[in-house]
Protein backbone atom coordinates (compact mmCIF):
# COMPACT_ATOMS: atom_id res chain seq x y z
CA MET A 1 -74.71 -18.33 -75.04
CA LYS A 2 -75.00 -15.72 -72.35
CA THR A 3 -76.19 -17.39 -69.27
CA LEU A 4 -75.68 -20.67 -67.17
CA ALA A 5 -79.24 -21.69 -68.07
CA GLU A 6 -78.35 -21.69 -71.77
CA LEU A 7 -75.14 -23.57 -71.20
CA ALA A 8 -77.16 -26.20 -69.00
CA LYS A 9 -79.59 -26.46 -71.97
CA ILE A 10 -76.74 -27.14 -74.36
CA ARG A 11 -75.31 -29.64 -71.96
CA ASP A 12 -78.64 -31.64 -71.64
CA GLU A 13 -79.26 -31.70 -75.28
CA ALA A 14 -75.75 -33.13 -75.92
CA LYS A 15 -76.03 -35.69 -73.15
CA GLY A 16 -79.44 -36.85 -74.87
CA LYS A 17 -77.56 -37.40 -78.12
CA ILE A 18 -74.69 -39.51 -76.74
CA ASP A 19 -76.57 -41.68 -74.35
CA LEU A 20 -74.67 -45.01 -75.29
CA ARG A 21 -76.11 -47.09 -72.25
CA GLY A 22 -79.62 -46.52 -73.20
CA LYS A 23 -79.22 -48.05 -76.68
CA LYS A 24 -81.69 -50.61 -77.40
CA GLY A 25 -80.85 -54.06 -79.05
CA THR A 26 -77.94 -56.72 -78.60
CA ARG A 27 -74.41 -55.67 -77.90
CA ILE A 28 -71.52 -58.01 -78.99
CA VAL A 29 -68.28 -57.25 -77.19
CA VAL A 30 -64.89 -58.77 -78.40
CA GLY A 31 -61.95 -58.78 -76.22
CA MET A 32 -59.14 -56.86 -78.07
CA ALA A 33 -56.40 -56.61 -75.41
CA THR A 34 -53.06 -57.87 -76.48
CA CYS A 35 -53.88 -61.37 -75.22
CA GLY A 36 -57.08 -61.41 -77.39
CA ILE A 37 -55.47 -60.09 -80.38
CA ALA A 38 -52.36 -62.61 -80.09
CA ALA A 39 -55.06 -65.36 -79.83
CA GLY A 40 -56.79 -64.26 -83.08
CA ALA A 41 -59.52 -61.84 -82.00
CA ARG A 42 -59.12 -59.39 -84.98
CA PRO A 43 -60.31 -61.95 -87.48
CA VAL A 44 -63.13 -62.69 -85.16
CA LEU A 45 -64.21 -59.08 -84.69
CA LEU A 46 -64.14 -58.64 -88.57
CA SER A 47 -66.09 -61.71 -89.09
CA LEU A 48 -68.82 -60.48 -86.65
CA VAL A 49 -69.02 -57.07 -88.05
CA GLU A 50 -69.31 -58.64 -91.64
CA GLU A 51 -71.91 -61.02 -90.70
CA VAL A 52 -73.91 -58.26 -88.92
CA LYS A 53 -73.75 -56.05 -91.83
CA LYS A 54 -74.47 -58.86 -94.39
CA ARG A 55 -77.70 -59.93 -92.40
CA ASN A 56 -78.79 -56.12 -91.93
CA LEU A 57 -79.06 -56.70 -88.09
CA ASN A 58 -79.62 -52.85 -87.30
CA ASP A 59 -80.29 -53.58 -83.59
CA VAL A 60 -76.96 -55.44 -83.10
CA GLU A 61 -73.90 -53.42 -82.13
CA VAL A 62 -70.28 -55.10 -82.41
CA VAL A 63 -67.66 -53.19 -80.00
CA GLN A 64 -64.38 -53.97 -78.80
CA THR A 65 -63.03 -53.90 -75.26
CA GLY A 66 -59.74 -54.47 -73.31
CA CYS A 67 -58.93 -57.58 -71.36
CA ILE A 68 -61.92 -59.58 -70.24
CA GLY A 69 -59.72 -61.39 -67.68
CA VAL A 70 -59.47 -65.09 -68.80
CA CYS A 71 -56.63 -64.92 -71.21
CA ARG A 72 -56.35 -68.71 -71.60
CA LEU A 73 -59.67 -68.73 -73.22
CA GLU A 74 -59.08 -65.95 -75.85
CA PRO A 75 -60.56 -64.89 -78.15
CA ILE A 76 -63.50 -64.14 -75.92
CA VAL A 77 -66.79 -62.67 -77.16
CA GLU A 78 -69.56 -61.56 -74.79
CA ILE A 79 -73.05 -61.05 -75.83
CA TYR A 80 -75.49 -58.79 -73.90
CA GLU A 81 -78.99 -59.12 -74.75
CA GLU A 82 -81.51 -56.25 -74.29
CA ASN A 83 -83.17 -58.16 -71.40
CA GLY A 84 -79.91 -57.96 -69.39
CA GLU A 85 -78.85 -61.69 -70.32
CA LYS A 86 -75.20 -62.27 -70.97
CA VAL A 87 -73.49 -65.11 -72.66
CA THR A 88 -69.70 -65.45 -72.97
CA TYR A 89 -68.16 -67.36 -75.78
CA VAL A 90 -64.51 -68.37 -75.66
CA GLU A 91 -61.85 -69.84 -77.90
CA MET A 92 -63.60 -68.13 -80.75
CA THR A 93 -62.59 -68.38 -84.57
CA PRO A 94 -64.28 -66.41 -87.41
CA GLU A 95 -66.22 -69.81 -88.32
CA LYS A 96 -67.57 -69.90 -84.88
CA ALA A 97 -68.54 -66.19 -84.92
CA ARG A 98 -70.52 -66.67 -87.96
CA LYS A 99 -72.26 -69.70 -86.36
CA VAL A 100 -72.89 -67.63 -83.21
CA ILE A 101 -74.58 -64.92 -85.27
CA ALA A 102 -76.69 -67.41 -87.13
CA ASP A 103 -77.74 -69.34 -84.28
CA HIS A 104 -77.76 -67.08 -81.33
CA ILE A 105 -78.32 -63.71 -82.57
CA VAL A 106 -80.71 -64.62 -85.57
CA ASN A 107 -82.47 -67.71 -84.12
CA GLY A 108 -82.09 -67.07 -80.49
CA LYS A 109 -80.33 -70.46 -79.67
CA VAL A 110 -77.24 -70.23 -77.64
CA VAL A 111 -74.29 -72.27 -78.95
CA SER A 112 -73.48 -74.09 -75.80
CA GLU A 113 -70.43 -75.90 -76.96
CA TYR A 114 -68.78 -72.60 -77.39
CA THR A 115 -69.64 -71.02 -74.02
CA ILE A 116 -67.31 -70.42 -71.07
CA GLY A 117 -69.29 -73.03 -69.22
CA ALA A 118 -68.43 -75.82 -71.56
CA ASN A 119 -64.78 -74.67 -71.89
CA ALA A 120 -63.70 -73.61 -68.49
């Protein structure tokens, strides 16, 4: 690398490889702050990851985040659809997480009784 133009080219190539916001598919976010972990978020996260892997759902990403902000309703799982829709599930358990994957992610039917609207 000898010029600023070469450096800019390398930067642009690297940015193209790490564009996380442009990823297609469904994103499942699990609140893993201390409040979430204390309420049982770790087994929920593991259950979601296992279920996604077991069902070979390549267009579904499971990630963790910090505090979502409603500690009394932890563990919280937010699902961001590719079309921009978001559903927030609260008071999750590993069993509920498996049902959300089966009903919501695979079959497209929101599990209303687990949502924040049904539990707030």
